Each structure stands twice: as C-alpha cells, then as structure tokens.
Amino acid sequence: MSHQKNLILPSAPSAGTISRRGFLTRSSMAAVGALLLPSTKSVASILSTERTLSFHNVHTDEELTIRCCPEKDYDRETRLRFSSLLRDHHADEVREMDPGLIDIFFALSAFTGSSGTFKVLSGYRSPETNGWLRRFSHGVAEHSMHIEGKAVDIRMDDVSIREIRQAGMALAMGGVGYYPRSNFVHLDTGRIRSW
C-alpha cells in the first residue's frame, strides 16, 4: 500500500513571506551567540552547504536519507518520502509534514556537528491516536502540533538530548519540549516556547 496516496502538499509561499534561507539565517544568527559558534561568516557558509540528513523511525524500522540545503526548495518526492516516514504508524495514516521541520533538522545537524541519524519516535498523529495516547500520558497535549503535522519527537546516538534541547532553543525556530525521563526532545514549527 502506498502511503503517499491522498497526500496534499502546499503551494509555494506568497511573495510577502520570508524566505526559508532568510528565516534560517535570522535563527542562526541568534544561535551564534547562544551556542558560541565561531562567527556569522561561518553561519553563511553552513547555510550554503548541502548536508545529508538520515532518519530512522524506531517504530516501523524504516530509514530515510535526504540531501538538502536551505538555498534550495525541497522537491515533491523528498516531501512525500519525509511525510511517509513520519506517518502515524498506529493508524497507518500519512499527513503532509511541515517542511520547516527539515529546516530544523538541517540546522540541528549543522550546529551540533552531527552526522548521525535522527531517531524519530513520533511525527504525525491522527486525532484518534492522539486521544488514545492522552489516556496513558498526561504529557500528550489535547491540541498537539503532532496532529497538524508540525511536530516530531526525536533522539540521536551522537548528540545528547540535552544538546538537542540547547540547540533547538538557541535556534528559536519553534517549540522545544525536553523529556529526559523518556529520553527524547519534542521539536515543532509552532510559536517559540519551551517546557
């Protein structure tokens, strides 16, 4: 069964919106001071360099490797494959994932120096799955960003969750939730906040 069926992808942003590169540049400039990165010149170099990102869905054991760069848009195939990997594995439902999540992964990889794999614990959640999870955990929000395809829960082998949290907060590209007992970090493309 193809998980790409019935997946609707967004149209190009309107002319009045900030470019992805512009957004990443602004976020990265803030990270320079917070993470004590070498310089803003280094940020420009980092953002113009293509990187390979590797993902592993711990529930389905599927893997995905993509090459990306903030100077280029993500093509339809890349977005479909990314959304399929992050599907709700309980309901086997795919929803378009916000491509801004790929930008967050790119920035985390670049600024932590990691070439490791992002271990995905949760991506999209259907409203039914989210409701079911809420019965077992008080940490699952009723109006979760996961339902909107704008959130992921991750960990990595070569970067501690503490470092992921620090980088995510410094980048200020969305929400960052820290769950040390469960060994993961929640990242989303919503408003900037942390818990």
N, C-alpha and C. Protein backbone atom coordinates (compact mmCIF):
# COMPACT_ATOMS: atom_id res chain seq x y z
N MET A 1 0.84 -1.18 0.00
CA MET A 1 0.00 0.00 0.00
C MET A 1 0.88 1.24 0.00
N SER A 2 0.60 2.17 -0.84
CA SER A 2 1.38 3.41 -0.90
C SER A 2 0.90 4.38 0.16
N HIS A 3 1.84 4.90 0.93
CA HIS A 3 1.48 5.87 1.97
C HIS A 3 1.41 7.28 1.41
N GLN A 4 1.66 7.42 0.11
CA GLN A 4 1.67 8.74 -0.49
C GLN A 4 0.33 9.09 -1.11
N LYS A 5 -0.58 8.16 -1.16
CA LYS A 5 -1.90 8.37 -1.72
C LYS A 5 -2.67 9.39 -0.87
N ASN A 6 -3.36 10.28 -1.53
CA ASN A 6 -4.18 11.30 -0.87
C ASN A 6 -3.39 12.31 -0.06
N LEU A 7 -2.11 12.39 -0.28
CA LEU A 7 -1.30 13.37 0.42
C LEU A 7 -1.30 14.66 -0.37
N ILE A 8 -1.72 15.74 0.28
CA ILE A 8 -1.79 17.05 -0.39
C ILE A 8 -0.64 17.89 0.11
N LEU A 9 0.13 18.42 -0.83
CA LEU A 9 1.27 19.25 -0.48
C LEU A 9 0.93 20.71 -0.72
N PRO A 10 1.59 21.61 0.02
CA PRO A 10 1.26 23.04 -0.07
C PRO A 10 1.77 23.66 -1.36
N SER A 11 1.17 24.78 -1.70
CA SER A 11 1.68 25.55 -2.84
C SER A 11 2.85 26.40 -2.37
N ALA A 12 3.51 27.06 -3.29
CA ALA A 12 4.65 27.91 -2.94
C ALA A 12 4.19 29.05 -2.06
N PRO A 13 5.10 29.53 -1.16
CA PRO A 13 4.72 30.64 -0.28
C PRO A 13 4.46 31.91 -1.08
N SER A 14 3.65 32.78 -0.52
CA SER A 14 3.35 34.03 -1.20
C SER A 14 4.56 34.95 -1.16
N ALA A 15 4.57 35.94 -2.03
CA ALA A 15 5.71 36.84 -2.16
C ALA A 15 6.00 37.61 -0.87
N GLY A 16 5.01 37.81 -0.01
CA GLY A 16 5.21 38.59 1.20
C GLY A 16 5.83 37.80 2.35
N THR A 17 5.98 36.48 2.21
CA THR A 17 6.54 35.70 3.30
C THR A 17 8.06 35.70 3.24
N ILE A 18 8.67 35.51 4.41
CA ILE A 18 10.13 35.47 4.49
C ILE A 18 10.63 34.18 3.84
N SER A 19 11.77 34.24 3.17
CA SER A 19 12.33 33.04 2.55
C SER A 19 12.83 32.09 3.62
N ARG A 20 12.92 30.82 3.25
CA ARG A 20 13.45 29.83 4.18
C ARG A 20 14.88 30.19 4.57
N ARG A 21 15.68 30.58 3.58
CA ARG A 21 17.07 30.95 3.87
C ARG A 21 17.12 32.16 4.80
N GLY A 22 16.25 33.15 4.55
CA GLY A 22 16.21 34.32 5.41
C GLY A 22 15.84 33.96 6.83
N PHE A 23 14.86 33.09 6.97
CA PHE A 23 14.43 32.66 8.29
C PHE A 23 15.54 31.90 9.00
N LEU A 24 16.17 30.97 8.29
CA LEU A 24 17.25 30.21 8.88
C LEU A 24 18.43 31.10 9.24
N THR A 25 18.71 32.08 8.40
CA THR A 25 19.81 32.99 8.68
C THR A 25 19.55 33.76 9.96
N ARG A 26 18.33 34.29 10.11
CA ARG A 26 17.99 35.03 11.33
C ARG A 26 18.07 34.12 12.56
N SER A 27 17.55 32.91 12.45
CA SER A 27 17.60 31.97 13.57
C SER A 27 19.04 31.61 13.89
N SER A 28 19.83 31.41 12.86
CA SER A 28 21.22 31.00 13.05
C SER A 28 22.05 32.11 13.67
N MET A 29 21.74 33.36 13.33
CA MET A 29 22.47 34.48 13.91
C MET A 29 22.26 34.50 15.42
N ALA A 30 21.04 34.20 15.85
CA ALA A 30 20.77 34.14 17.29
C ALA A 30 21.54 32.98 17.92
N ALA A 31 21.65 31.88 17.18
CA ALA A 31 22.35 30.71 17.70
C ALA A 31 23.85 30.93 17.82
N VAL A 32 24.40 31.83 17.03
CA VAL A 32 25.84 32.09 17.08
C VAL A 32 26.25 32.46 18.50
N GLY A 33 25.53 33.42 19.08
CA GLY A 33 25.86 33.84 20.44
C GLY A 33 25.50 32.79 21.47
N ALA A 34 24.31 32.22 21.35
CA ALA A 34 23.83 31.27 22.35
C ALA A 34 24.65 29.99 22.38
N LEU A 35 25.11 29.54 21.23
CA LEU A 35 25.88 28.30 21.18
C LEU A 35 27.38 28.53 21.07
N LEU A 36 27.77 29.80 21.09
CA LEU A 36 29.17 30.16 20.98
C LEU A 36 29.79 29.62 19.69
N LEU A 37 29.06 29.75 18.60
CA LEU A 37 29.58 29.34 17.30
C LEU A 37 30.64 30.33 16.87
N PRO A 38 31.52 29.92 15.96
CA PRO A 38 32.67 30.74 15.60
C PRO A 38 32.34 32.16 15.12
N SER A 39 31.45 32.30 14.13
CA SER A 39 31.16 33.64 13.62
C SER A 39 29.98 33.60 12.68
N THR A 40 29.46 34.80 12.37
CA THR A 40 28.35 34.86 11.42
C THR A 40 28.80 34.46 10.03
N LYS A 41 30.08 34.66 9.73
CA LYS A 41 30.60 34.21 8.43
C LYS A 41 30.47 32.69 8.33
N SER A 42 30.74 32.01 9.43
CA SER A 42 30.59 30.55 9.46
C SER A 42 29.14 30.15 9.23
N VAL A 43 28.22 30.95 9.77
CA VAL A 43 26.79 30.66 9.58
C VAL A 43 26.45 30.70 8.10
N ALA A 44 26.91 31.73 7.41
CA ALA A 44 26.64 31.83 5.98
C ALA A 44 27.20 30.63 5.23
N SER A 45 28.37 30.19 5.61
CA SER A 45 28.98 29.03 4.97
C SER A 45 28.17 27.77 5.25
N ILE A 46 27.76 27.61 6.50
CA ILE A 46 26.97 26.43 6.88
C ILE A 46 25.67 26.38 6.10
N LEU A 47 25.00 27.52 5.95
CA LEU A 47 23.69 27.54 5.30
C LEU A 47 23.76 27.37 3.79
N SER A 48 24.93 27.51 3.21
CA SER A 48 25.03 27.33 1.77
C SER A 48 25.62 25.97 1.40
N THR A 49 25.86 25.15 2.40
CA THR A 49 26.45 23.83 2.18
C THR A 49 25.37 22.76 2.25
N GLU A 50 25.32 21.93 1.23
CA GLU A 50 24.36 20.83 1.22
C GLU A 50 24.76 19.81 2.28
N ARG A 51 23.79 19.25 2.97
CA ARG A 51 24.04 18.25 4.02
C ARG A 51 23.18 17.02 3.76
N THR A 52 23.68 15.89 4.22
CA THR A 52 22.92 14.65 4.17
C THR A 52 22.30 14.44 5.54
N LEU A 53 20.99 14.28 5.57
CA LEU A 53 20.27 14.02 6.81
C LEU A 53 19.75 12.59 6.77
N SER A 54 19.95 11.87 7.86
CA SER A 54 19.49 10.49 7.96
C SER A 54 18.47 10.37 9.08
N PHE A 55 17.42 9.62 8.79
CA PHE A 55 16.33 9.42 9.75
C PHE A 55 16.06 7.94 9.92
N HIS A 56 15.63 7.57 11.12
CA HIS A 56 15.21 6.19 11.39
C HIS A 56 13.95 6.25 12.24
N ASN A 57 12.86 5.68 11.74
CA ASN A 57 11.62 5.61 12.51
C ASN A 57 11.74 4.38 13.41
N VAL A 58 11.81 4.58 14.71
CA VAL A 58 12.05 3.48 15.65
C VAL A 58 10.88 2.51 15.74
N HIS A 59 9.69 2.92 15.32
CA HIS A 59 8.52 2.05 15.40
C HIS A 59 8.34 1.19 14.16
N THR A 60 8.65 1.72 13.00
CA THR A 60 8.47 0.97 11.76
C THR A 60 9.79 0.41 11.23
N ASP A 61 10.90 0.83 11.81
CA ASP A 61 12.25 0.44 11.42
C ASP A 61 12.60 0.91 10.00
N GLU A 62 11.87 1.90 9.50
CA GLU A 62 12.16 2.46 8.18
C GLU A 62 13.23 3.53 8.30
N GLU A 63 13.99 3.69 7.22
CA GLU A 63 15.04 4.69 7.19
C GLU A 63 14.87 5.58 5.98
N LEU A 64 15.39 6.79 6.10
CA LEU A 64 15.32 7.76 5.01
C LEU A 64 16.58 8.61 5.06
N THR A 65 17.17 8.83 3.90
CA THR A 65 18.31 9.72 3.78
C THR A 65 17.97 10.75 2.72
N ILE A 66 18.14 12.02 3.06
CA ILE A 66 17.89 13.09 2.09
C ILE A 66 19.07 14.04 2.07
N ARG A 67 19.30 14.65 0.92
CA ARG A 67 20.30 15.71 0.80
C ARG A 67 19.54 17.01 0.67
N CYS A 68 19.93 18.00 1.45
CA CYS A 68 19.21 19.26 1.41
C CYS A 68 20.12 20.43 1.70
N CYS A 69 19.63 21.60 1.36
CA CYS A 69 20.33 22.85 1.57
C CYS A 69 19.27 23.95 1.65
N PRO A 70 19.40 24.87 2.59
CA PRO A 70 18.40 25.94 2.72
C PRO A 70 18.26 26.82 1.49
N GLU A 71 19.24 26.79 0.59
CA GLU A 71 19.15 27.60 -0.62
C GLU A 71 18.26 26.96 -1.68
N LYS A 72 17.85 25.72 -1.45
CA LYS A 72 17.03 25.01 -2.43
C LYS A 72 15.72 24.57 -1.79
N ASP A 73 14.65 24.59 -2.57
CA ASP A 73 13.38 24.08 -2.07
C ASP A 73 13.42 22.55 -2.05
N TYR A 74 12.63 21.97 -1.17
CA TYR A 74 12.52 20.51 -1.12
C TYR A 74 11.56 20.08 -2.21
N ASP A 75 12.00 19.16 -3.05
CA ASP A 75 11.13 18.72 -4.14
C ASP A 75 9.99 17.86 -3.61
N ARG A 76 9.00 17.65 -4.45
CA ARG A 76 7.80 16.91 -4.06
C ARG A 76 8.14 15.51 -3.56
N GLU A 77 9.04 14.82 -4.24
CA GLU A 77 9.40 13.46 -3.83
C GLU A 77 10.01 13.44 -2.43
N THR A 78 10.90 14.39 -2.15
CA THR A 78 11.51 14.47 -0.82
C THR A 78 10.45 14.71 0.24
N ARG A 79 9.54 15.64 -0.02
CA ARG A 79 8.48 15.94 0.96
C ARG A 79 7.55 14.74 1.16
N LEU A 80 7.26 14.01 0.09
CA LEU A 80 6.41 12.82 0.20
C LEU A 80 7.09 11.74 1.04
N ARG A 81 8.36 11.51 0.76
CA ARG A 81 9.11 10.47 1.49
C ARG A 81 9.24 10.84 2.97
N PHE A 82 9.51 12.12 3.24
CA PHE A 82 9.63 12.60 4.62
C PHE A 82 8.29 12.42 5.35
N SER A 83 7.20 12.81 4.72
CA SER A 83 5.88 12.69 5.33
C SER A 83 5.51 11.23 5.56
N SER A 84 5.86 10.36 4.62
CA SER A 84 5.55 8.94 4.77
C SER A 84 6.32 8.33 5.94
N LEU A 85 7.58 8.69 6.09
CA LEU A 85 8.38 8.17 7.20
C LEU A 85 7.80 8.60 8.54
N LEU A 86 7.28 9.83 8.61
CA LEU A 86 6.76 10.37 9.86
C LEU A 86 5.26 10.14 10.04
N ARG A 87 4.71 9.21 9.29
CA ARG A 87 3.28 8.92 9.37
C ARG A 87 2.89 8.38 10.75
N ASP A 88 1.60 8.41 11.02
CA ASP A 88 1.04 7.81 12.23
C ASP A 88 1.08 6.30 12.03
N HIS A 89 2.02 5.63 12.68
CA HIS A 89 2.18 4.19 12.47
C HIS A 89 1.06 3.38 13.14
N HIS A 90 0.36 3.98 14.09
CA HIS A 90 -0.76 3.28 14.73
C HIS A 90 -1.94 3.15 13.75
N ALA A 91 -2.25 4.24 13.09
CA ALA A 91 -3.39 4.27 12.15
C ALA A 91 -2.95 4.08 10.70
N ASP A 92 -1.65 4.04 10.47
CA ASP A 92 -1.07 3.94 9.12
C ASP A 92 -1.61 5.07 8.23
N GLU A 93 -1.62 6.29 8.80
CA GLU A 93 -2.09 7.47 8.08
C GLU A 93 -0.94 8.43 7.83
N VAL A 94 -0.92 8.98 6.62
CA VAL A 94 0.09 9.97 6.25
C VAL A 94 -0.57 11.34 6.19
N ARG A 95 0.10 12.31 6.74
CA ARG A 95 -0.32 13.70 6.59
C ARG A 95 0.90 14.49 6.15
N GLU A 96 0.68 15.49 5.36
CA GLU A 96 1.77 16.36 4.95
C GLU A 96 2.46 16.91 6.19
N MET A 97 3.76 16.70 6.28
CA MET A 97 4.55 17.25 7.38
C MET A 97 5.08 18.61 6.93
N ASP A 98 5.16 19.54 7.86
CA ASP A 98 5.67 20.87 7.58
C ASP A 98 7.13 20.76 7.14
N PRO A 99 7.48 21.23 5.94
CA PRO A 99 8.88 21.17 5.50
C PRO A 99 9.82 21.98 6.39
N GLY A 100 9.26 22.87 7.20
CA GLY A 100 10.08 23.61 8.16
C GLY A 100 10.77 22.70 9.15
N LEU A 101 10.21 21.49 9.36
CA LEU A 101 10.86 20.52 10.23
C LEU A 101 12.20 20.09 9.64
N ILE A 102 12.25 19.96 8.30
CA ILE A 102 13.51 19.59 7.66
C ILE A 102 14.53 20.70 7.90
N ASP A 103 14.09 21.95 7.85
CA ASP A 103 14.99 23.07 8.13
C ASP A 103 15.54 22.97 9.56
N ILE A 104 14.69 22.59 10.50
CA ILE A 104 15.14 22.43 11.88
C ILE A 104 16.18 21.32 11.97
N PHE A 105 15.90 20.19 11.31
CA PHE A 105 16.87 19.08 11.32
C PHE A 105 18.19 19.52 10.69
N PHE A 106 18.11 20.26 9.59
CA PHE A 106 19.32 20.77 8.93
C PHE A 106 20.13 21.61 9.91
N ALA A 107 19.46 22.56 10.56
CA ALA A 107 20.14 23.46 11.49
C ALA A 107 20.72 22.70 12.68
N LEU A 108 19.98 21.75 13.23
CA LEU A 108 20.49 20.95 14.35
C LEU A 108 21.74 20.18 13.94
N SER A 109 21.68 19.57 12.77
CA SER A 109 22.82 18.81 12.27
C SER A 109 24.03 19.71 12.08
N ALA A 110 23.81 20.87 11.47
CA ALA A 110 24.91 21.80 11.19
C ALA A 110 25.53 22.35 12.46
N PHE A 111 24.71 22.77 13.41
CA PHE A 111 25.24 23.47 14.56
C PHE A 111 25.69 22.56 15.70
N THR A 112 25.29 21.28 15.67
CA THR A 112 25.83 20.34 16.66
C THR A 112 27.03 19.60 16.08
N GLY A 113 27.23 19.71 14.76
CA GLY A 113 28.32 19.00 14.11
C GLY A 113 28.02 17.52 13.92
N SER A 114 26.78 17.15 14.08
CA SER A 114 26.40 15.74 13.98
C SER A 114 26.29 15.28 12.53
N SER A 115 26.70 14.06 12.31
CA SER A 115 26.44 13.40 11.03
C SER A 115 25.65 12.13 11.30
N GLY A 116 25.09 12.06 12.51
CA GLY A 116 24.35 10.88 12.93
C GLY A 116 22.91 10.87 12.44
N THR A 117 22.21 9.86 12.87
CA THR A 117 20.83 9.61 12.46
C THR A 117 19.85 10.19 13.47
N PHE A 118 18.82 10.86 12.96
CA PHE A 118 17.72 11.32 13.82
C PHE A 118 16.80 10.13 14.05
N LYS A 119 16.62 9.74 15.30
CA LYS A 119 15.73 8.64 15.67
C LYS A 119 14.36 9.25 15.93
N VAL A 120 13.39 8.93 15.08
CA VAL A 120 12.05 9.51 15.17
C VAL A 120 11.17 8.61 16.03
N LEU A 121 10.66 9.17 17.12
CA LEU A 121 9.75 8.44 17.99
C LEU A 121 8.30 8.74 17.65
N SER A 122 8.05 9.97 17.19
CA SER A 122 6.69 10.36 16.85
C SER A 122 6.74 11.51 15.86
N GLY A 123 5.91 11.43 14.84
CA GLY A 123 5.75 12.50 13.87
C GLY A 123 4.28 12.88 13.86
N TYR A 124 3.62 12.60 12.73
CA TYR A 124 2.19 12.88 12.64
C TYR A 124 1.43 11.94 13.56
N ARG A 125 0.37 12.47 14.19
CA ARG A 125 -0.57 11.66 14.96
C ARG A 125 -1.98 12.03 14.51
N SER A 126 -2.77 11.03 14.18
CA SER A 126 -4.17 11.30 13.87
C SER A 126 -4.85 11.76 15.16
N PRO A 127 -5.98 12.47 15.05
CA PRO A 127 -6.70 12.87 16.27
C PRO A 127 -7.06 11.66 17.14
N GLU A 128 -7.39 10.54 16.50
CA GLU A 128 -7.75 9.32 17.26
C GLU A 128 -6.55 8.79 18.03
N THR A 129 -5.40 8.73 17.37
CA THR A 129 -4.19 8.25 18.04
C THR A 129 -3.80 9.19 19.17
N ASN A 130 -3.89 10.49 18.93
CA ASN A 130 -3.54 11.45 19.97
C ASN A 130 -4.46 11.29 21.19
N GLY A 131 -5.76 11.10 20.93
CA GLY A 131 -6.71 10.90 22.01
C GLY A 131 -6.41 9.63 22.80
N TRP A 132 -6.06 8.58 22.09
CA TRP A 132 -5.71 7.31 22.73
C TRP A 132 -4.46 7.48 23.61
N LEU A 133 -3.44 8.18 23.10
CA LEU A 133 -2.21 8.40 23.87
C LEU A 133 -2.46 9.26 25.10
N ARG A 134 -3.41 10.20 25.00
CA ARG A 134 -3.73 11.06 26.14
C ARG A 134 -4.27 10.27 27.33
N ARG A 135 -4.89 9.14 27.04
CA ARG A 135 -5.41 8.30 28.13
C ARG A 135 -4.30 7.67 28.95
N PHE A 136 -3.10 7.54 28.36
CA PHE A 136 -1.98 6.88 29.03
C PHE A 136 -0.90 7.84 29.52
N SER A 137 -0.93 9.07 29.03
CA SER A 137 0.12 10.01 29.42
C SER A 137 -0.45 11.42 29.56
N HIS A 138 -0.18 12.04 30.69
CA HIS A 138 -0.64 13.42 30.89
C HIS A 138 0.21 14.40 30.08
N GLY A 139 1.34 13.94 29.50
CA GLY A 139 2.22 14.80 28.72
C GLY A 139 1.78 15.01 27.27
N VAL A 140 0.69 14.36 26.86
CA VAL A 140 0.21 14.49 25.48
C VAL A 140 -0.84 15.60 25.44
N ALA A 141 -0.57 16.64 24.68
CA ALA A 141 -1.48 17.78 24.59
C ALA A 141 -2.74 17.44 23.79
N GLU A 142 -3.85 17.97 24.21
CA GLU A 142 -5.11 17.73 23.50
C GLU A 142 -5.06 18.29 22.09
N HIS A 143 -4.50 19.48 21.95
CA HIS A 143 -4.39 20.13 20.63
C HIS A 143 -2.93 20.09 20.19
N SER A 144 -2.39 18.89 20.11
CA SER A 144 -0.98 18.68 19.81
C SER A 144 -0.59 19.15 18.42
N MET A 145 0.62 19.70 18.30
CA MET A 145 1.17 20.09 17.00
C MET A 145 1.40 18.85 16.13
N HIS A 146 1.49 17.68 16.76
CA HIS A 146 1.64 16.43 16.00
C HIS A 146 0.43 16.21 15.09
N ILE A 147 -0.75 16.57 15.54
CA ILE A 147 -1.97 16.40 14.76
C ILE A 147 -1.92 17.26 13.49
N GLU A 148 -1.24 18.38 13.57
CA GLU A 148 -1.14 19.30 12.43
C GLU A 148 0.03 18.97 11.50
N GLY A 149 0.82 17.94 11.84
CA GLY A 149 1.98 17.61 11.02
C GLY A 149 3.11 18.61 11.19
N LYS A 150 3.19 19.22 12.38
CA LYS A 150 4.19 20.26 12.63
C LYS A 150 5.12 19.93 13.79
N ALA A 151 5.17 18.65 14.20
CA ALA A 151 5.98 18.29 15.36
C ALA A 151 6.60 16.91 15.20
N VAL A 152 7.75 16.76 15.85
CA VAL A 152 8.44 15.47 15.92
C VAL A 152 9.01 15.29 17.32
N ASP A 153 9.13 14.04 17.73
CA ASP A 153 9.82 13.68 18.95
C ASP A 153 11.03 12.86 18.51
N ILE A 154 12.23 13.27 18.95
CA ILE A 154 13.45 12.64 18.46
C ILE A 154 14.48 12.42 19.55
N ARG A 155 15.46 11.62 19.21
CA ARG A 155 16.71 11.49 19.95
C ARG A 155 17.78 11.15 18.93
N MET A 156 19.04 11.19 19.34
CA MET A 156 20.16 10.84 18.46
C MET A 156 21.18 10.03 19.25
N ASP A 157 21.99 9.27 18.53
CA ASP A 157 23.03 8.49 19.21
C ASP A 157 24.27 9.32 19.50
N ASP A 158 24.59 10.28 18.63
CA ASP A 158 25.84 11.03 18.78
C ASP A 158 25.67 12.42 19.37
N VAL A 159 24.44 12.79 19.72
CA VAL A 159 24.17 14.09 20.35
C VAL A 159 23.19 13.84 21.49
N SER A 160 23.51 14.31 22.68
CA SER A 160 22.63 14.09 23.82
C SER A 160 21.33 14.88 23.66
N ILE A 161 20.29 14.43 24.33
CA ILE A 161 19.02 15.16 24.25
C ILE A 161 19.18 16.55 24.88
N ARG A 162 20.08 16.66 25.83
CA ARG A 162 20.35 17.97 26.44
C ARG A 162 20.92 18.93 25.39
N GLU A 163 21.84 18.44 24.56
CA GLU A 163 22.42 19.27 23.50
C GLU A 163 21.39 19.59 22.41
N ILE A 164 20.55 18.62 22.09
CA ILE A 164 19.48 18.86 21.10
C ILE A 164 18.58 19.97 21.62
N ARG A 165 18.20 19.86 22.89
CA ARG A 165 17.34 20.89 23.51
C ARG A 165 18.01 22.26 23.46
N GLN A 166 19.28 22.32 23.84
CA GLN A 166 20.01 23.60 23.85
C GLN A 166 20.05 24.20 22.45
N ALA A 167 20.37 23.37 21.45
CA ALA A 167 20.43 23.86 20.07
C ALA A 167 19.06 24.31 19.59
N GLY A 168 18.03 23.52 19.89
CA GLY A 168 16.67 23.88 19.48
C GLY A 168 16.23 25.20 20.07
N MET A 169 16.53 25.42 21.33
CA MET A 169 16.15 26.67 21.98
C MET A 169 16.95 27.84 21.42
N ALA A 170 18.23 27.63 21.15
CA ALA A 170 19.06 28.71 20.61
C ALA A 170 18.61 29.10 19.20
N LEU A 171 18.19 28.12 18.41
CA LEU A 171 17.75 28.41 17.05
C LEU A 171 16.42 29.16 17.03
N ALA A 172 15.59 28.97 18.05
CA ALA A 172 14.30 29.67 18.17
C ALA A 172 13.48 29.56 16.89
N MET A 173 13.32 28.33 16.41
CA MET A 173 12.56 28.08 15.18
C MET A 173 11.19 27.48 15.48
N GLY A 174 10.83 27.36 16.77
CA GLY A 174 9.55 26.78 17.16
C GLY A 174 9.61 26.30 18.59
N GLY A 175 8.72 25.39 18.93
CA GLY A 175 8.64 24.87 20.29
C GLY A 175 9.66 23.79 20.55
N VAL A 176 10.14 23.74 21.81
CA VAL A 176 11.10 22.72 22.23
C VAL A 176 10.65 22.15 23.57
N GLY A 177 10.38 20.85 23.59
CA GLY A 177 10.00 20.17 24.83
C GLY A 177 11.08 19.17 25.21
N TYR A 178 11.44 19.16 26.48
CA TYR A 178 12.54 18.33 26.96
C TYR A 178 11.99 17.24 27.87
N TYR A 179 12.22 15.98 27.52
CA TYR A 179 11.68 14.85 28.26
C TYR A 179 12.82 13.90 28.64
N PRO A 180 13.64 14.27 29.64
CA PRO A 180 14.81 13.45 29.99
C PRO A 180 14.44 12.05 30.50
N ARG A 181 13.33 11.91 31.19
CA ARG A 181 12.94 10.58 31.69
C ARG A 181 12.62 9.61 30.56
N SER A 182 12.06 10.14 29.49
CA SER A 182 11.71 9.31 28.33
C SER A 182 12.78 9.38 27.24
N ASN A 183 13.83 10.17 27.46
CA ASN A 183 14.97 10.27 26.56
C ASN A 183 14.59 10.75 25.16
N PHE A 184 13.88 11.88 25.08
CA PHE A 184 13.62 12.48 23.77
C PHE A 184 13.37 13.97 23.91
N VAL A 185 13.43 14.63 22.76
CA VAL A 185 13.14 16.06 22.66
C VAL A 185 12.02 16.24 21.65
N HIS A 186 11.05 17.06 21.99
CA HIS A 186 9.96 17.44 21.08
C HIS A 186 10.38 18.72 20.39
N LEU A 187 10.24 18.75 19.06
CA LEU A 187 10.52 19.96 18.28
C LEU A 187 9.32 20.23 17.39
N ASP A 188 8.91 21.49 17.28
CA ASP A 188 7.81 21.82 16.38
C ASP A 188 8.03 23.16 15.71
N THR A 189 7.21 23.42 14.71
CA THR A 189 7.33 24.67 13.94
C THR A 189 6.30 25.70 14.37
N GLY A 190 5.77 25.53 15.56
CA GLY A 190 4.80 26.49 16.10
C GLY A 190 5.49 27.70 16.68
N ARG A 191 4.78 28.39 17.56
CA ARG A 191 5.37 29.59 18.18
C ARG A 191 6.54 29.19 19.07
N ILE A 192 7.43 30.13 19.29
CA ILE A 192 8.64 29.86 20.08
C ILE A 192 8.26 29.76 21.56
N ARG A 193 8.56 28.60 22.14
CA ARG A 193 8.26 28.34 23.55
C ARG A 193 9.07 27.11 23.97
N SER A 194 9.17 26.87 25.26
CA SER A 194 9.89 25.68 25.73
C SER A 194 9.28 25.20 27.02
N TRP A 195 9.47 23.93 27.28
CA TRP A 195 8.99 23.32 28.52
C TRP A 195 9.87 22.13 28.87
